[in-house]
PDB file of N, CA and C in Angstrom:
ATOM      1  N   MET A   1      -5.185  22.173   1.023  1.00  0.00           N
ATOM      2  CA  MET A   1      -4.365  22.154   2.232  1.00  0.00           C
ATOM      3  C   MET A   1      -2.899  21.966   1.822  1.00  0.00           C
ATOM      4  N   PRO A   2      -1.989  22.837   2.244  1.00  0.00           N
ATOM      5  CA  PRO A   2      -0.576  22.713   1.859  1.00  0.00           C
ATOM      6  C   PRO A   2       0.125  21.572   2.606  1.00  0.00           C
ATOM      7  N   GLU A   3       1.299  21.187   2.088  1.00  0.00           N
ATOM      8  CA  GLU A   3       2.106  20.202   2.804  1.00  0.00           C
ATOM      9  C   GLU A   3       2.501  20.798   4.146  1.00  0.00           C
ATOM     10  N   SER A   4       2.666  19.915   5.141  1.00  0.00           N
ATOM     11  CA  SER A   4       2.980  20.383   6.487  1.00  0.00           C
ATOM     12  C   SER A   4       3.766  19.308   7.218  1.00  0.00           C
ATOM     13  N   GLN A   5       3.896  19.495   8.524  1.00  0.00           N
ATOM     14  CA  GLN A   5       4.578  18.518   9.377  1.00  0.00           C
ATOM     15  C   GLN A   5       3.975  17.119   9.213  1.00  0.00           C
ATOM     16  N   ASN A   6       2.664  17.058   9.022  1.00  0.00           N
ATOM     17  CA  ASN A   6       1.977  15.767   9.017  1.00  0.00           C
ATOM     18  C   ASN A   6       1.356  15.390   7.673  1.00  0.00           C
ATOM     19  N   ILE A   7       1.589  16.183   6.635  1.00  0.00           N
ATOM     20  CA  ILE A   7       0.973  15.923   5.327  1.00  0.00           C
ATOM     21  C   ILE A   7       2.018  16.035   4.231  1.00  0.00           C
ATOM     22  N   GLU A   8       2.044  15.031   3.351  1.00  0.00           N
ATOM     23  CA  GLU A   8       2.946  15.038   2.193  1.00  0.00           C
ATOM     24  C   GLU A   8       2.130  14.618   0.974  1.00  0.00           C
ATOM     25  N   TYR A   9       2.338  15.297  -0.154  1.00  0.00           N
ATOM     26  CA  TYR A   9       1.660  14.958  -1.402  1.00  0.00           C
ATOM     27  C   TYR A   9       2.666  14.399  -2.398  1.00  0.00           C
ATOM     28  N   LYS A  10       2.253  13.349  -3.097  1.00  0.00           N
ATOM     29  CA  LYS A  10       3.074  12.761  -4.153  1.00  0.00           C
ATOM     30  C   LYS A  10       2.177  12.501  -5.356  1.00  0.00           C
ATOM     31  N   GLU A  11       2.639  12.877  -6.545  1.00  0.00           N
ATOM     32  CA  GLU A  11       1.825  12.691  -7.740  1.00  0.00           C
ATOM     33  C   GLU A  11       1.707  11.227  -8.127  1.00  0.00           C
ATOM     34  N   SER A  12       2.746  10.444  -7.857  1.00  0.00           N
ATOM     35  CA  SER A  12       2.729   9.011  -8.159  1.00  0.00           C
ATOM     36  C   SER A  12       3.566   8.301  -7.097  1.00  0.00           C
ATOM     37  N   TRP A  13       3.502   6.977  -7.072  1.00  0.00           N
ATOM     38  CA  TRP A  13       4.248   6.208  -6.078  1.00  0.00           C
ATOM     39  C   TRP A  13       5.598   5.793  -6.636  1.00  0.00           C
ATOM     40  N   ARG A  14       6.628   5.957  -5.821  1.00  0.00           N
ATOM     41  CA  ARG A  14       7.949   5.386  -6.075  1.00  0.00           C
ATOM     42  C   ARG A  14       8.393   4.742  -4.770  1.00  0.00           C
ATOM     43  N   ASP A  15       9.061   3.601  -4.875  1.00  0.00           N
ATOM     44  CA  ASP A  15       9.453   2.873  -3.668  1.00  0.00           C
ATOM     45  C   ASP A  15      10.352   3.697  -2.747  1.00  0.00           C
ATOM     46  N   GLU A  16      11.059   4.685  -3.285  1.00  0.00           N
ATOM     47  CA  GLU A  16      11.911   5.518  -2.432  1.00  0.00           C
ATOM     48  C   GLU A  16      11.086   6.317  -1.417  1.00  0.00           C
ATOM     49  N   TYR A  17       9.773   6.426  -1.636  1.00  0.00           N
ATOM     50  CA  TYR A  17       8.928   7.161  -0.686  1.00  0.00           C
ATOM     51  C   TYR A  17       8.775   6.420   0.638  1.00  0.00           C
ATOM     52  N   ILE A  18       9.274   5.196   0.694  1.00  0.00           N
ATOM     53  CA  ILE A  18       9.303   4.480   1.972  1.00  0.00           C
ATOM     54  C   ILE A  18      10.152   5.272   2.968  1.00  0.00           C
ATOM     55  N   LYS A  19      11.132   6.042   2.472  1.00  0.00           N
ATOM     56  CA  LYS A  19      11.922   6.916   3.351  1.00  0.00           C
ATOM     57  C   LYS A  19      11.019   7.931   4.057  1.00  0.00           C
ATOM     58  N   TRP A  20      10.045   8.465   3.331  1.00  0.00           N
ATOM     59  CA  TRP A  20       9.126   9.446   3.916  1.00  0.00           C
ATOM     60  C   TRP A  20       8.266   8.781   4.992  1.00  0.00           C
ATOM     61  N   ILE A  21       7.856   7.540   4.732  1.00  0.00           N
ATOM     62  CA  ILE A  21       7.075   6.800   5.731  1.00  0.00           C
ATOM     63  C   ILE A  21       7.922   6.581   6.972  1.00  0.00           C
ATOM     64  N   CYS A  22       9.189   6.226   6.790  1.00  0.00           N
ATOM     65  CA  CYS A  22      10.134   6.077   7.896  1.00  0.00           C
ATOM     66  C   CYS A  22      10.234   7.384   8.678  1.00  0.00           C
ATOM     67  N   GLY A  23      10.363   8.502   7.972  1.00  0.00           N
ATOM     68  CA  GLY A  23      10.466   9.815   8.616  1.00  0.00           C
ATOM     69  C   GLY A  23       9.242  10.165   9.439  1.00  0.00           C
ATOM     70  N   PHE A  24       8.053   9.893   8.903  1.00  0.00           N
ATOM     71  CA  PHE A  24       6.820  10.145   9.654  1.00  0.00           C
ATOM     72  C   PHE A  24       6.754   9.261  10.900  1.00  0.00           C
ATOM     73  N   ALA A  25       7.121   7.982  10.753  1.00  0.00           N
ATOM     74  CA  ALA A  25       7.057   7.053  11.890  1.00  0.00           C
ATOM     75  C   ALA A  25       8.011   7.483  13.001  1.00  0.00           C
ATOM     76  N   ASN A  26       9.161   8.030  12.635  1.00  0.00           N
ATOM     77  CA  ASN A  26      10.133   8.473  13.631  1.00  0.00           C
ATOM     78  C   ASN A  26       9.762   9.809  14.266  1.00  0.00           C
ATOM     79  N   ALA A  27       8.827  10.527  13.671  1.00  0.00           N
ATOM     80  CA  ALA A  27       8.398  11.828  14.202  1.00  0.00           C
ATOM     81  C   ALA A  27       7.005  11.684  14.823  1.00  0.00           C
ATOM     82  N   GLN A  28       6.064  12.504  14.375  1.00  0.00           N
ATOM     83  CA  GLN A  28       4.726  12.536  14.967  1.00  0.00           C
ATOM     84  C   GLN A  28       3.697  11.740  14.185  1.00  0.00           C
ATOM     85  N   GLY A  29       4.156  10.977  13.178  1.00  0.00           N
ATOM     86  CA  GLY A  29       3.206  10.303  12.312  1.00  0.00           C
ATOM     87  C   GLY A  29       2.713  11.278  11.258  1.00  0.00           C
ATOM     88  N   GLY A  30       1.853  10.808  10.374  1.00  0.00           N
ATOM     89  CA  GLY A  30       1.321  11.691   9.346  1.00  0.00           C
ATOM     90  C   GLY A  30       0.640  10.929   8.242  1.00  0.00           C
ATOM     91  N   LYS A  31       0.374  11.640   7.153  1.00  0.00           N
ATOM     92  CA  LYS A  31      -0.317  11.066   6.003  1.00  0.00           C
ATOM     93  C   LYS A  31       0.406  11.452   4.727  1.00  0.00           C
ATOM     94  N   ILE A  32       0.485  10.483   3.826  1.00  0.00           N
ATOM     95  CA  ILE A  32       0.985  10.729   2.483  1.00  0.00           C
ATOM     96  C   ILE A  32      -0.177  10.476   1.531  1.00  0.00           C
ATOM     97  N   PHE A  33      -0.425  11.451   0.671  1.00  0.00           N
ATOM     98  CA  PHE A  33      -1.466  11.315  -0.342  1.00  0.00           C
ATOM     99  C   PHE A  33      -0.785  11.114  -1.687  1.00  0.00           C
ATOM    100  N   VAL A  34      -1.061   9.974  -2.334  1.00  0.00           N
ATOM    101  CA  VAL A  34      -0.455   9.644  -3.621  1.00  0.00           C
ATOM    102  C   VAL A  34      -1.516   9.837  -4.704  1.00  0.00           C
ATOM    103  N   GLY A  35      -1.151  10.608  -5.737  1.00  0.00           N
ATOM    104  CA  GLY A  35      -2.111  10.976  -6.769  1.00  0.00           C
ATOM    105  C   GLY A  35      -2.591  12.396  -6.564  1.00  0.00           C
ATOM    106  N   VAL A  36      -1.797  13.164  -5.794  1.00  0.00           N
ATOM    107  CA  VAL A  36      -2.131  14.549  -5.456  1.00  0.00           C
ATOM    108  C   VAL A  36      -0.889  15.405  -5.718  1.00  0.00           C
ATOM    109  N   ASP A  37      -1.071  16.561  -6.364  1.00  0.00           N
ATOM    110  CA  ASP A  37       0.087  17.410  -6.654  1.00  0.00           C
ATOM    111  C   ASP A  37       0.490  18.236  -5.428  1.00  0.00           C
ATOM    112  N   ASP A  38       1.601  18.957  -5.536  1.00  0.00           N
ATOM    113  CA  ASP A  38       2.165  19.705  -4.404  1.00  0.00           C
ATOM    114  C   ASP A  38       1.223  20.754  -3.825  1.00  0.00           C
ATOM    115  N   LYS A  39       0.252  21.174  -4.608  1.00  0.00           N
ATOM    116  CA  LYS A  39      -0.698  22.179  -4.127  1.00  0.00           C
ATOM    117  C   LYS A  39      -1.933  21.553  -3.485  1.00  0.00           C
ATOM    118  N   GLY A  40      -1.982  20.213  -3.465  1.00  0.00           N
ATOM    119  CA  GLY A  40      -3.117  19.538  -2.848  1.00  0.00           C
ATOM    120  C   GLY A  40      -4.251  19.224  -3.798  1.00  0.00           C
ATOM    121  N   HIS A  41      -4.024  19.384  -5.115  1.00  0.00           N
ATOM    122  CA  HIS A  41      -5.054  19.071  -6.106  1.00  0.00           C
ATOM    123  C   HIS A  41      -4.951  17.604  -6.508  1.00  0.00           C
ATOM    124  N   VAL A  42      -6.080  16.906  -6.500  1.00  0.00           N
ATOM    125  CA  VAL A  42      -6.096  15.498  -6.891  1.00  0.00           C
ATOM    126  C   VAL A  42      -5.905  15.405  -8.399  1.00  0.00           C
ATOM    127  N   ILE A  43      -4.892  14.645  -8.815  1.00  0.00           N
ATOM    128  CA  ILE A  43      -4.661  14.410 -10.240  1.00  0.00           C
ATOM    129  C   ILE A  43      -5.007  12.972 -10.620  1.00  0.00           C
ATOM    130  N   GLY A  44      -5.120  12.092  -9.625  1.00  0.00           N
ATOM    131  CA  GLY A  44      -5.532  10.716  -9.862  1.00  0.00           C
ATOM    132  C   GLY A  44      -4.374   9.781 -10.152  1.00  0.00           C
ATOM    133  N   LEU A  45      -4.677   8.491 -10.038  1.00  0.00           N
ATOM    134  CA  LEU A  45      -3.713   7.416 -10.289  1.00  0.00           C
ATOM    135  C   LEU A  45      -4.338   6.404 -11.234  1.00  0.00           C
ATOM    136  N   GLN A  46      -3.539   5.860 -12.131  1.00  0.00           N
ATOM    137  CA  GLN A  46      -4.027   4.808 -13.025  1.00  0.00           C
ATOM    138  C   GLN A  46      -4.045   3.446 -12.327  1.00  0.00           C
ATOM    139  N   ASN A  47      -3.116   3.238 -11.412  1.00  0.00           N
ATOM    140  CA  ASN A  47      -2.912   1.917 -10.806  1.00  0.00           C
ATOM    141  C   ASN A  47      -3.246   1.909  -9.313  1.00  0.00           C
ATOM    142  N   ALA A  48      -4.231   2.667  -8.902  1.00  0.00           N
ATOM    143  CA  ALA A  48      -4.527   2.834  -7.473  1.00  0.00           C
ATOM    144  C   ALA A  48      -4.828   1.512  -6.776  1.00  0.00           C
ATOM    145  N   LYS A  49      -5.608   0.653  -7.398  1.00  0.00           N
ATOM    146  CA  LYS A  49      -5.991  -0.605  -6.743  1.00  0.00           C
ATOM    147  C   LYS A  49      -4.780  -1.515  -6.532  1.00  0.00           C
ATOM    148  N   LYS A  50      -3.871  -1.557  -7.511  1.00  0.00           N
ATOM    149  CA  LYS A  50      -2.656  -2.367  -7.355  1.00  0.00           C
ATOM    150  C   LYS A  50      -1.786  -1.803  -6.230  1.00  0.00           C
ATOM    151  N   LEU A  51      -1.662  -0.476  -6.174  1.00  0.00           N
ATOM    152  CA  LEU A  51      -0.871   0.146  -5.112  1.00  0.00           C
ATOM    153  C   LEU A  51      -1.461  -0.134  -3.739  1.00  0.00           C
ATOM    154  N   MET A  52      -2.781  -0.254  -3.671  1.00  0.00           N
ATOM    155  CA  MET A  52      -3.443  -0.578  -2.396  1.00  0.00           C
ATOM    156  C   MET A  52      -2.908  -1.888  -1.825  1.00  0.00           C
ATOM    157  N   GLU A  53      -2.568  -2.817  -2.697  1.00  0.00           N
ATOM    158  CA  GLU A  53      -2.018  -4.107  -2.266  1.00  0.00           C
ATOM    159  C   GLU A  53      -0.505  -4.031  -2.062  1.00  0.00           C
ATOM    160  N   ASP A  54       0.181  -3.339  -2.969  1.00  0.00           N
ATOM    161  CA  ASP A  54       1.646  -3.329  -2.951  1.00  0.00           C
ATOM    162  C   ASP A  54       2.245  -2.519  -1.805  1.00  0.00           C
ATOM    163  N   ILE A  55       1.725  -1.325  -1.560  1.00  0.00           N
ATOM    164  CA  ILE A  55       2.351  -0.420  -0.592  1.00  0.00           C
ATOM    165  C   ILE A  55       2.418  -1.012   0.814  1.00  0.00           C
ATOM    166  N   PRO A  56       1.317  -1.549   1.367  1.00  0.00           N
ATOM    167  CA  PRO A  56       1.430  -2.098   2.731  1.00  0.00           C
ATOM    168  C   PRO A  56       2.469  -3.215   2.839  1.00  0.00           C
ATOM    169  N   ASN A  57       2.565  -4.056   1.801  1.00  0.00           N
ATOM    170  CA  ASN A  57       3.540  -5.147   1.823  1.00  0.00           C
ATOM    171  C   ASN A  57       4.970  -4.621   1.742  1.00  0.00           C
ATOM    172  N   LYS A  58       5.195  -3.634   0.885  1.00  0.00           N
ATOM    173  CA  LYS A  58       6.540  -3.065   0.751  1.00  0.00           C
ATOM    174  C   LYS A  58       6.976  -2.371   2.041  1.00  0.00           C
ATOM    175  N   VAL A  59       6.057  -1.645   2.664  1.00  0.00           N
ATOM    176  CA  VAL A  59       6.380  -0.947   3.917  1.00  0.00           C
ATOM    177  C   VAL A  59       6.671  -1.955   5.028  1.00  0.00           C
ATOM    178  N   ARG A  60       5.848  -2.985   5.114  1.00  0.00           N
ATOM    179  CA  ARG A  60       6.064  -4.013   6.137  1.00  0.00           C
ATOM    180  C   ARG A  60       7.422  -4.690   5.947  1.00  0.00           C
ATOM    181  N   ASP A  61       7.736  -5.046   4.704  1.00  0.00           N
ATOM    182  CA  ASP A  61       9.000  -5.736   4.434  1.00  0.00           C
ATOM    183  C   ASP A  61      10.210  -4.835   4.680  1.00  0.00           C
ATOM    184  N   ALA A  62      10.110  -3.551   4.340  1.00  0.00           N
ATOM    185  CA  ALA A  62      11.253  -2.633   4.458  1.00  0.00           C
ATOM    186  C   ALA A  62      11.428  -2.069   5.859  1.00  0.00           C
ATOM    187  N   LEU A  63      10.303  -1.796   6.548  1.00  0.00           N
ATOM    188  CA  LEU A  63      10.379  -1.089   7.831  1.00  0.00           C
ATOM    189  C   LEU A  63       9.845  -1.884   9.020  1.00  0.00           C
ATOM    190  N   GLY A  64       9.134  -2.970   8.759  1.00  0.00           N
ATOM    191  CA  GLY A  64       8.511  -3.711   9.856  1.00  0.00           C
ATOM    192  C   GLY A  64       7.313  -2.986  10.438  1.00  0.00           C
ATOM    193  N   LEU A  65       6.715  -2.072   9.653  1.00  0.00           N
ATOM    194  CA  LEU A  65       5.571  -1.287  10.125  1.00  0.00           C
ATOM    195  C   LEU A  65       4.309  -1.681   9.376  1.00  0.00           C
ATOM    196  N   LEU A  66       3.187  -1.528  10.045  1.00  0.00           N
ATOM    197  CA  LEU A  66       1.890  -1.660   9.392  1.00  0.00           C
ATOM    198  C   LEU A  66       1.334  -0.258   9.195  1.00  0.00           C
ATOM    199  N   VAL A  67       0.924   0.048   7.974  1.00  0.00           N
ATOM    200  CA  VAL A  67       0.328   1.351   7.677  1.00  0.00           C
ATOM    201  C   VAL A  67      -1.071   1.127   7.114  1.00  0.00           C
ATOM    202  N   ASP A  68      -1.940   2.083   7.344  1.00  0.00           N
ATOM    203  CA  ASP A  68      -3.278   2.044   6.766  1.00  0.00           C
ATOM    204  C   ASP A  68      -3.219   2.698   5.395  1.00  0.00           C
ATOM    205  N   VAL A  69      -3.741   1.998   4.395  1.00  0.00           N
ATOM    206  CA  VAL A  69      -3.788   2.529   3.038  1.00  0.00           C
ATOM    207  C   VAL A  69      -5.242   2.543   2.596  1.00  0.00           C
ATOM    208  N   ASN A  70      -5.736   3.723   2.243  1.00  0.00           N
ATOM    209  CA  ASN A  70      -7.135   3.876   1.854  1.00  0.00           C
ATOM    210  C   ASN A  70      -7.238   4.421   0.441  1.00  0.00           C
ATOM    211  N   LEU A  71      -8.202   3.885  -0.301  1.00  0.00           N
ATOM    212  CA  LEU A  71      -8.489   4.358  -1.646  1.00  0.00           C
ATOM    213  C   LEU A  71      -9.572   5.424  -1.555  1.00  0.00           C
ATOM    214  N   LEU A  72      -9.279   6.604  -2.088  1.00  0.00           N
ATOM    215  CA  LEU A  72     -10.224   7.716  -2.061  1.00  0.00           C
ATOM    216  C   LEU A  72     -10.485   8.172  -3.492  1.00  0.00           C
ATOM    217  N   SER A  73     -11.562   8.923  -3.685  1.00  0.00           N
ATOM    218  CA  SER A  73     -11.916   9.378  -5.022  1.00  0.00           C
ATOM    219  C   SER A  73     -12.537  10.768  -4.959  1.00  0.00           C
ATOM    220  N   VAL A  74     -12.135  11.614  -5.904  1.00  0.00           N
ATOM    221  CA  VAL A  74     -12.721  12.945  -6.065  1.00  0.00           C
ATOM    222  C   VAL A  74     -12.946  13.155  -7.561  1.00  0.00           C
ATOM    223  N   ASP A  75     -14.145  13.509  -7.947  1.00  0.00           N
ATOM    224  CA  ASP A  75     -14.469  13.735  -9.365  1.00  0.00           C
ATOM    225  C   ASP A  75     -14.008  12.565 -10.230  1.00  0.00           C
ATOM    226  N   SER A  76     -14.272  11.350  -9.767  1.00  0.00           N
ATOM    227  CA  SER A  76     -13.904  10.090 -10.420  1.00  0.00           C
ATOM    228  C   SER A  76     -12.394   9.928 -10.646  1.00  0.00           C
ATOM    229  N   LYS A  77     -11.574  10.657  -9.884  1.00  0.00           N
ATOM    230  CA  LYS A  77     -10.119  10.477  -9.884  1.00  0.00           C
ATOM    231  C   LYS A  77      -9.748   9.769  -8.589  1.00  0.00           C
ATOM    232  N   GLU A  78      -9.121   8.593  -8.731  1.00  0.00           N
ATOM    233  CA  GLU A  78      -8.729   7.829  -7.545  1.00  0.00           C
ATOM    234  C   GLU A  78      -7.353   8.266  -7.053  1.00  0.00           C
ATOM    235  N   TYR A  79      -7.222   8.304  -5.735  1.00  0.00           N
ATOM    236  CA  TYR A  79      -5.933   8.578  -5.111  1.00  0.00           C
ATOM    237  C   TYR A  79      -5.856   7.792  -3.811  1.00  0.00           C
ATOM    238  N   ILE A  80      -4.677   7.731  -3.231  1.00  0.00           N
ATOM    239  CA  ILE A  80      -4.436   6.891  -2.053  1.00  0.00           C
ATOM    240  C   ILE A  80      -3.993   7.749  -0.879  1.00  0.00           C
ATOM    241  N   GLU A  81      -4.499   7.390   0.285  1.00  0.00           N
ATOM    242  CA  GLU A  81      -4.082   8.011   1.544  1.00  0.00           C
ATOM    243  C   GLU A  81      -3.338   6.948   2.349  1.00  0.00           C
ATOM    244  N   ILE A  82      -2.101   7.238   2.716  1.00  0.00           N
ATOM    245  CA  ILE A  82      -1.312   6.341   3.565  1.00  0.00           C
ATOM    246  C   ILE A  82      -1.205   7.009   4.929  1.00  0.00           C
ATOM    247  N   SER A  83      -1.719   6.339   5.955  1.00  0.00           N
ATOM    248  CA  SER A  83      -1.676   6.882   7.318  1.00  0.00           C
ATOM    249  C   SER A  83      -0.582   6.180   8.102  1.00  0.00           C
ATOM    250  N   ILE A  84       0.324   6.970   8.657  1.00  0.00           N
ATOM    251  CA  ILE A  84       1.466   6.442   9.401  1.00  0.00           C
ATOM    252  C   ILE A  84       1.361   6.894  10.847  1.00  0.00           C
ATOM    253  N   SER A  85       1.377   5.933  11.758  1.00  0.00           N
ATOM    254  CA  SER A  85       1.360   6.252  13.188  1.00  0.00           C
ATOM    255  C   SER A  85       2.785   6.492  13.664  1.00  0.00           C
ATOM    256  N   PRO A  86       2.957   7.328  14.689  1.00  0.00           N
ATOM    257  CA  PRO A  86       4.304   7.495  15.244  1.00  0.00           C
ATOM    258  C   PRO A  86       4.769   6.191  15.884  1.00  0.00           C
ATOM    259  N   SER A  87       6.018   5.856  15.691  1.00  0.00           N
ATOM    260  CA  SER A  87       6.578   4.630  16.259  1.00  0.00           C
ATOM    261  C   SER A  87       7.156   4.898  17.646  1.00  0.00           C
ATOM    262  N   THR A  88       7.035   3.919  18.511  1.00  0.00           N
ATOM    263  CA  THR A  88       7.608   4.037  19.853  1.00  0.00           C
ATOM    264  C   THR A  88       9.085   3.634  19.872  1.00  0.00           C
ATOM    265  N   TYR A  89       9.563   3.067  18.759  1.00  0.00           N
ATOM    266  CA  TYR A  89      10.967   2.660  18.670  1.00  0.00           C
ATOM    267  C   TYR A  89      11.579   3.270  17.402  1.00  0.00           C
ATOM    268  N   PRO A  90      12.905   3.377  17.335  1.00  0.00           N
ATOM    269  CA  PRO A  90      13.544   3.950  16.145  1.00  0.00           C
ATOM    270  C   PRO A  90      13.326   3.054  14.920  1.00  0.00           C
ATOM    271  N   VAL A  91      12.956   3.653  13.813  1.00  0.00           N
ATOM    272  CA  VAL A  91      12.718   2.926  12.567  1.00  0.00           C
ATOM    273  C   VAL A  91      13.779   3.357  11.560  1.00  0.00           C
ATOM    274  N   ASN A  92      14.410   2.366  10.905  1.00  0.00           N
ATOM    275  CA  ASN A  92      15.396   2.714   9.882  1.00  0.00           C
ATOM    276  C   ASN A  92      15.002   2.104   8.553  1.00  0.00           C
ATOM    277  N   TYR A  93      15.467   2.734   7.485  1.00  0.00           N
ATOM    278  CA  TYR A  93      15.259   2.241   6.130  1.00  0.00           C
ATOM    279  C   TYR A  93      16.633   2.023   5.519  1.00  0.00           C
ATOM    280  N   LYS A  94      16.966   0.761   5.282  1.00  0.00           N
ATOM    281  CA  LYS A  94      18.272   0.385   4.730  1.00  0.00           C
ATOM    282  C   LYS A  94      19.416   0.937   5.572  1.00  0.00           C
ATOM    283  N   GLY A  95      19.236   0.906   6.903  1.00  0.00           N
ATOM    284  CA  GLY A  95      20.279   1.337   7.826  1.00  0.00           C
ATOM    285  C   GLY A  95      20.333   2.833   8.074  1.00  0.00           C
ATOM    286  N   GLU A  96      19.433   3.600   7.443  1.00  0.00           N
ATOM    287  CA  GLU A  96      19.410   5.052   7.627  1.00  0.00           C
ATOM    288  C   GLU A  96      18.154   5.460   8.389  1.00  0.00           C
ATOM    289  N   TYR A  97      18.317   6.454   9.235  1.00  0.00           N
ATOM    290  CA  TYR A  97      17.200   6.962  10.036  1.00  0.00           C
ATOM    291  C   TYR A  97      16.742   8.299   9.458  1.00  0.00           C
ATOM    292  N   HIS A  98      15.480   8.344   9.088  1.00  0.00           N
ATOM    293  CA  HIS A  98      14.892   9.555   8.517  1.00  0.00           C
ATOM    294  C   HIS A  98      13.908  10.133   9.524  1.00  0.00           C
ATOM    295  N   TYR A  99      13.706  11.444   9.442  1.00  0.00           N
ATOM    296  CA  TYR A  99      12.846  12.137  10.410  1.00  0.00           C
ATOM    297  C   TYR A  99      12.096  13.248   9.694  1.00  0.00           C
ATOM    298  N   ARG A 100      10.817  13.368   9.979  1.00  0.00           N
ATOM    299  CA  ARG A 100       9.997  14.434   9.389  1.00  0.00           C
ATOM    300  C   ARG A 100      10.051  15.653  10.293  1.00  0.00           C
ATOM    301  N   THR A 101      10.465  16.775   9.731  1.00  0.00           N
ATOM    302  CA  THR A 101      10.469  18.030  10.475  1.00  0.00           C
ATOM    303  C   THR A 101       9.972  19.126   9.545  1.00  0.00           C
ATOM    304  N   GLY A 102       9.013  19.909   9.988  1.00  0.00           N
ATOM    305  CA  GLY A 102       8.380  20.875   9.101  1.00  0.00           C
ATOM    306  C   GLY A 102       7.734  20.133   7.949  1.00  0.00           C
ATOM    307  N   SER A 103       7.977  20.579   6.730  1.00  0.00           N
ATOM    308  CA  SER A 103       7.430  19.872   5.571  1.00  0.00           C
ATOM    309  C   SER A 103       8.536  19.155   4.798  1.00  0.00           C
ATOM    310  N   THR A 104       9.630  18.811   5.507  1.00  0.00           N
ATOM    311  CA  THR A 104      10.742  18.124   4.854  1.00  0.00           C
ATOM    312  C   THR A 104      11.114  16.851   5.597  1.00  0.00           C
ATOM    313  N   LYS A 105      11.796  15.955   4.864  1.00  0.00           N
ATOM    314  CA  LYS A 105      12.336  14.729   5.443  1.00  0.00           C
ATOM    315  C   LYS A 105      13.829  14.932   5.609  1.00  0.00           C
ATOM    316  N   GLN A 106      14.349  14.649   6.782  1.00  0.00           N
ATOM    317  CA  GLN A 106      15.773  14.818   7.065  1.00  0.00           C
ATOM    318  C   GLN A 106      16.415  13.454   7.304  1.00  0.00           C
ATOM    319  N   LEU A 107      17.623  13.281   6.796  1.00  0.00           N
ATOM    320  CA  LEU A 107      18.424  12.107   7.112  1.00  0.00           C
ATOM    321  C   LEU A 107      19.201  12.436   8.376  1.00  0.00           C
ATOM    322  N   LEU A 108      18.981  11.657   9.424  1.00  0.00           N
ATOM    323  CA  LEU A 108      19.657  11.919  10.694  1.00  0.00           C
ATOM    324  C   LEU A 108      21.065  11.337  10.664  1.00  0.00           C
ATOM    325  N   GLN A 109      22.035  12.152  11.075  1.00  0.00           N
ATOM    326  CA  GLN A 109      23.431  11.725  11.124  1.00  0.00           C
ATOM    327  C   GLN A 109      24.107  12.391  12.309  1.00  0.00           C
ATOM    328  N   GLY A 110      25.216  11.839  12.718  1.00  0.00           N
ATOM    329  CA  GLY A 110      26.033  12.460  13.760  1.00  0.00           C
ATOM    330  C   GLY A 110      25.286  12.686  15.055  1.00  0.00           C
ATOM    331  N   ALA A 111      25.449  13.895  15.618  1.00  0.00           N
ATOM    332  CA  ALA A 111      24.864  14.218  16.925  1.00  0.00           C
ATOM    333  C   ALA A 111      23.342  14.164  16.903  1.00  0.00           C
ATOM    334  N   SER A 112      22.719  14.578  15.784  1.00  0.00           N
ATOM    335  CA  SER A 112      21.251  14.538  15.733  1.00  0.00           C
ATOM    336  C   SER A 112      20.746  13.097  15.751  1.00  0.00           C
ATOM    337  N   LEU A 113      21.467  12.181  15.111  1.00  0.00           N
ATOM    338  CA  LEU A 113      21.088  10.768  15.148  1.00  0.00           C
ATOM    339  C   LEU A 113      21.272  10.209  16.556  1.00  0.00           C
ATOM    340  N   THR A 114      22.383  10.524  17.187  1.00  0.00           N
ATOM    341  CA  THR A 114      22.632  10.052  18.553  1.00  0.00           C
ATOM    342  C   THR A 114      21.538  10.526  19.496  1.00  0.00           C
ATOM    343  N   GLN A 115      21.196  11.806  19.433  1.00  0.00           N
ATOM    344  CA  GLN A 115      20.153  12.356  20.303  1.00  0.00           C
ATOM    345  C   GLN A 115      18.801  11.708  20.030  1.00  0.00           C
ATOM    346  N   PHE A 116      18.470  11.510  18.754  1.00  0.00           N
ATOM    347  CA  PHE A 116      17.217  10.863  18.376  1.00  0.00           C
ATOM    348  C   PHE A 116      17.140   9.456  18.967  1.00  0.00           C
ATOM    349  N   LEU A 117      18.209   8.673  18.800  1.00  0.00           N
ATOM    350  CA  LEU A 117      18.215   7.297  19.308  1.00  0.00           C
ATOM    351  C   LEU A 117      18.103   7.270  20.829  1.00  0.00           C
ATOM    352  N   LEU A 118      18.787   8.178  21.503  1.00  0.00           N
ATOM    353  CA  LEU A 118      18.688   8.244  22.965  1.00  0.00           C
ATOM    354  C   LEU A 118      17.260   8.595  23.394  1.00  0.00           C
ATOM    355  N   ASN A 119      16.634   9.545  22.715  1.00  0.00           N
ATOM    356  CA  ASN A 119      15.255   9.930  23.048  1.00  0.00           C
ATOM    357  C   ASN A 119      14.275   8.791  22.790  1.00  0.00           C
ATOM    358  N   LYS A 120      14.416   8.108  21.653  1.00  0.00           N
ATOM    359  CA  LYS A 120      13.481   7.035  21.292  1.00  0.00           C
ATOM    360  C   LYS A 120      13.619   5.823  22.206  1.00  0.00           C
ATOM    361  N   THR A 121      14.836   5.569  22.668  1.00  0.00           N
ATOM    362  CA  THR A 121      15.037   4.388  23.512  1.00  0.00           C
ATOM    363  C   THR A 121      14.884   4.700  24.990  1.00  0.00           C
ATOM    364  N   GLY A 122      14.628   5.973  25.296  1.00  0.00           N
ATOM    365  CA  GLY A 122      14.373   6.354  26.686  1.00  0.00           C
ATOM    366  C   GLY A 122      15.611   6.427  27.554  1.00  0.00           C
ATOM    367  N   THR A 123      16.785   6.538  26.941  1.00  0.00           N
ATOM    368  CA  THR A 123      18.032   6.632  27.716  1.00  0.00           C
ATOM    369  C   THR A 123      18.635   8.020  27.577  1.00  0.00           C
ATOM    370  N   LYS A 124      17.814   9.030  27.749  1.00  0.00           N
ATOM    371  CA  LYS A 124      18.254  10.427  27.614  1.00  0.00           C
ATOM    372  C   LYS A 124      19.376  10.678  28.560  1.00  0.00           C
TER     373      LYS A 124
END
């Protein structure tokens, strides 16, 4: 399955991917699969169990969100699925608002940020 509006693949975890979680929360929600290449092939993770503990805490501390993190396995290769629900309020990461559109993450600025904030807060 290719990357899409609601699916993102990452070969390994980096804390900067919290931006992608922020983007999904500000849009329609989605899933990030860690330990999977861009084509959707599972390559596995060496530290999957540790990430199972670390990722939810890092996301909560950075964004104030709770995400579901599941450990999955294919052909004895472990990978992680992070499920992000859409947020009813604007979510920022280090003061920046990210948004998932198509298969990309966008940094909202200027008029697009203003419109996003007005839509999320219900003051259209």
